[in-house]
Amino acid sequence: MPMTRMLIRVDGELTDELVSAFPHLTTRTHRAQTTLVGDMTDQEELQGVLNLLNSLGIDVVEIVTIPED
């Protein structure tokens, strides 16, 4: 099944504990925002990540599909 690389930008800096909830995503912090980047197998997996962020009280600022090279 093809993967889609996604970037999810959230409001605020995530603690190490919160970052550990997303082991399959790479995190970077940029001026009070954090980006989570990783491959998603389908819309359901993306929705699962978004639901988890929501349940942790983390506001999503942006979601971007990263084109393949």
C-alpha atoms as a PDB file:
ATOM      1  CA  MET A   1       0.000   0.000   0.000  1.00  0.00           C
ATOM      2  CA  PRO A   2       1.480   3.426  -0.926  1.00  0.00           C
ATOM      3  CA  MET A   3       2.372   5.811   1.862  1.00  0.00           C
ATOM      4  CA  THR A   4       1.726   9.559   1.890  1.00  0.00           C
ATOM      5  CA  ARG A   5       4.201  11.816   3.674  1.00  0.00           C
ATOM      6  CA  MET A   6       2.370  14.321   5.868  1.00  0.00           C
ATOM      7  CA  LEU A   7       3.414  17.356   7.882  1.00  0.00           C
ATOM      8  CA  ILE A   8       1.236  18.301  10.842  1.00  0.00           C
ATOM      9  CA  ARG A   9       1.971  21.645  12.503  1.00  0.00           C
ATOM     10  CA  VAL A  10       0.623  22.127  16.021  1.00  0.00           C
ATOM     11  CA  ASP A  11       0.427  25.138  18.300  1.00  0.00           C
ATOM     12  CA  GLY A  12       3.022  25.055  21.061  1.00  0.00           C
ATOM     13  CA  GLU A  13       6.105  23.042  21.879  1.00  0.00           C
ATOM     14  CA  LEU A  14       5.455  19.388  22.692  1.00  0.00           C
ATOM     15  CA  THR A  15       7.131  17.876  25.722  1.00  0.00           C
ATOM     16  CA  ASP A  16       9.222  14.718  25.338  1.00  0.00           C
ATOM     17  CA  GLU A  17       6.346  12.787  26.919  1.00  0.00           C
ATOM     18  CA  LEU A  18       3.865  14.056  24.311  1.00  0.00           C
ATOM     19  CA  VAL A  19       6.323  13.441  21.472  1.00  0.00           C
ATOM     20  CA  SER A  20       6.649   9.822  22.635  1.00  0.00           C
ATOM     21  CA  ALA A  21       2.942   9.354  21.798  1.00  0.00           C
ATOM     22  CA  PHE A  22       3.906   9.634  18.107  1.00  0.00           C
ATOM     23  CA  PRO A  23       6.883   7.264  17.699  1.00  0.00           C
ATOM     24  CA  HIS A  24       6.448   6.937  13.923  1.00  0.00           C
ATOM     25  CA  LEU A  25       6.665  10.710  13.358  1.00  0.00           C
ATOM     26  CA  THR A  26       9.727  12.976  13.354  1.00  0.00           C
ATOM     27  CA  THR A  27       9.342  16.142  15.413  1.00  0.00           C
ATOM     28  CA  ARG A  28      10.910  19.585  15.102  1.00  0.00           C
ATOM     29  CA  THR A  29      10.216  22.643  17.210  1.00  0.00           C
ATOM     30  CA  HIS A  30       9.999  26.084  15.587  1.00  0.00           C
ATOM     31  CA  ARG A  31       9.230  29.192  17.672  1.00  0.00           C
ATOM     32  CA  ALA A  32       6.467  27.851  19.899  1.00  0.00           C
ATOM     33  CA  GLN A  33       5.233  25.399  17.260  1.00  0.00           C
ATOM     34  CA  THR A  34       6.081  21.778  16.581  1.00  0.00           C
ATOM     35  CA  THR A  35       5.949  19.901  13.296  1.00  0.00           C
ATOM     36  CA  LEU A  36       5.306  16.165  13.120  1.00  0.00           C
ATOM     37  CA  VAL A  37       6.395  14.556   9.852  1.00  0.00           C
ATOM     38  CA  GLY A  38       5.909  10.976   8.783  1.00  0.00           C
ATOM     39  CA  ASP A  39       4.344   8.527   6.365  1.00  0.00           C
ATOM     40  CA  MET A  40       0.646   7.734   6.684  1.00  0.00           C
ATOM     41  CA  THR A  41      -0.852   4.635   5.117  1.00  0.00           C
ATOM     42  CA  ASP A  42      -4.331   6.093   4.716  1.00  0.00           C
ATOM     43  CA  GLN A  43      -6.855   8.698   5.852  1.00  0.00           C
ATOM     44  CA  GLU A  44      -7.789   6.537   8.834  1.00  0.00           C
ATOM     45  CA  GLU A  45      -4.229   6.640  10.199  1.00  0.00           C
ATOM     46  CA  LEU A  46      -4.097  10.417   9.749  1.00  0.00           C
ATOM     47  CA  GLN A  47      -7.430  10.767  11.547  1.00  0.00           C
ATOM     48  CA  GLY A  48      -6.096   8.630  14.404  1.00  0.00           C
ATOM     49  CA  VAL A  49      -3.126  10.996  14.849  1.00  0.00           C
ATOM     50  CA  LEU A  50      -5.434  14.032  14.709  1.00  0.00           C
ATOM     51  CA  ASN A  51      -7.809  12.452  17.245  1.00  0.00           C
ATOM     52  CA  LEU A  52      -4.916  11.756  19.617  1.00  0.00           C
ATOM     53  CA  LEU A  53      -3.637  15.327  19.299  1.00  0.00           C
ATOM     54  CA  ASN A  54      -7.146  16.588  20.028  1.00  0.00           C
ATOM     55  CA  SER A  55      -7.552  14.318  23.054  1.00  0.00           C
ATOM     56  CA  LEU A  56      -4.244  15.664  24.412  1.00  0.00           C
ATOM     57  CA  GLY A  57      -5.541  19.235  24.041  1.00  0.00           C
ATOM     58  CA  ILE A  58      -3.101  20.112  21.251  1.00  0.00           C
ATOM     59  CA  ASP A  59      -4.364  22.507  18.573  1.00  0.00           C
ATOM     60  CA  VAL A  60      -3.508  21.616  14.976  1.00  0.00           C
ATOM     61  CA  VAL A  61      -2.493  24.693  12.971  1.00  0.00           C
ATOM     62  CA  GLU A  62      -1.770  23.125   9.565  1.00  0.00           C
ATOM     63  CA  ILE A  63      -1.743  19.789   7.736  1.00  0.00           C
ATOM     64  CA  VAL A  64       0.275  19.502   4.515  1.00  0.00           C
ATOM     65  CA  THR A  65       0.847  16.635   2.097  1.00  0.00           C
ATOM     66  CA  ILE A  66       4.520  16.517   1.160  1.00  0.00           C
ATOM     67  CA  PRO A  67       4.962  15.611  -2.527  1.00  0.00           C
ATOM     68  CA  GLU A  68       7.174  12.699  -3.442  1.00  0.00           C
ATOM     69  CA  ASP A  69      10.571  13.591  -4.938  1.00  0.00           C
END
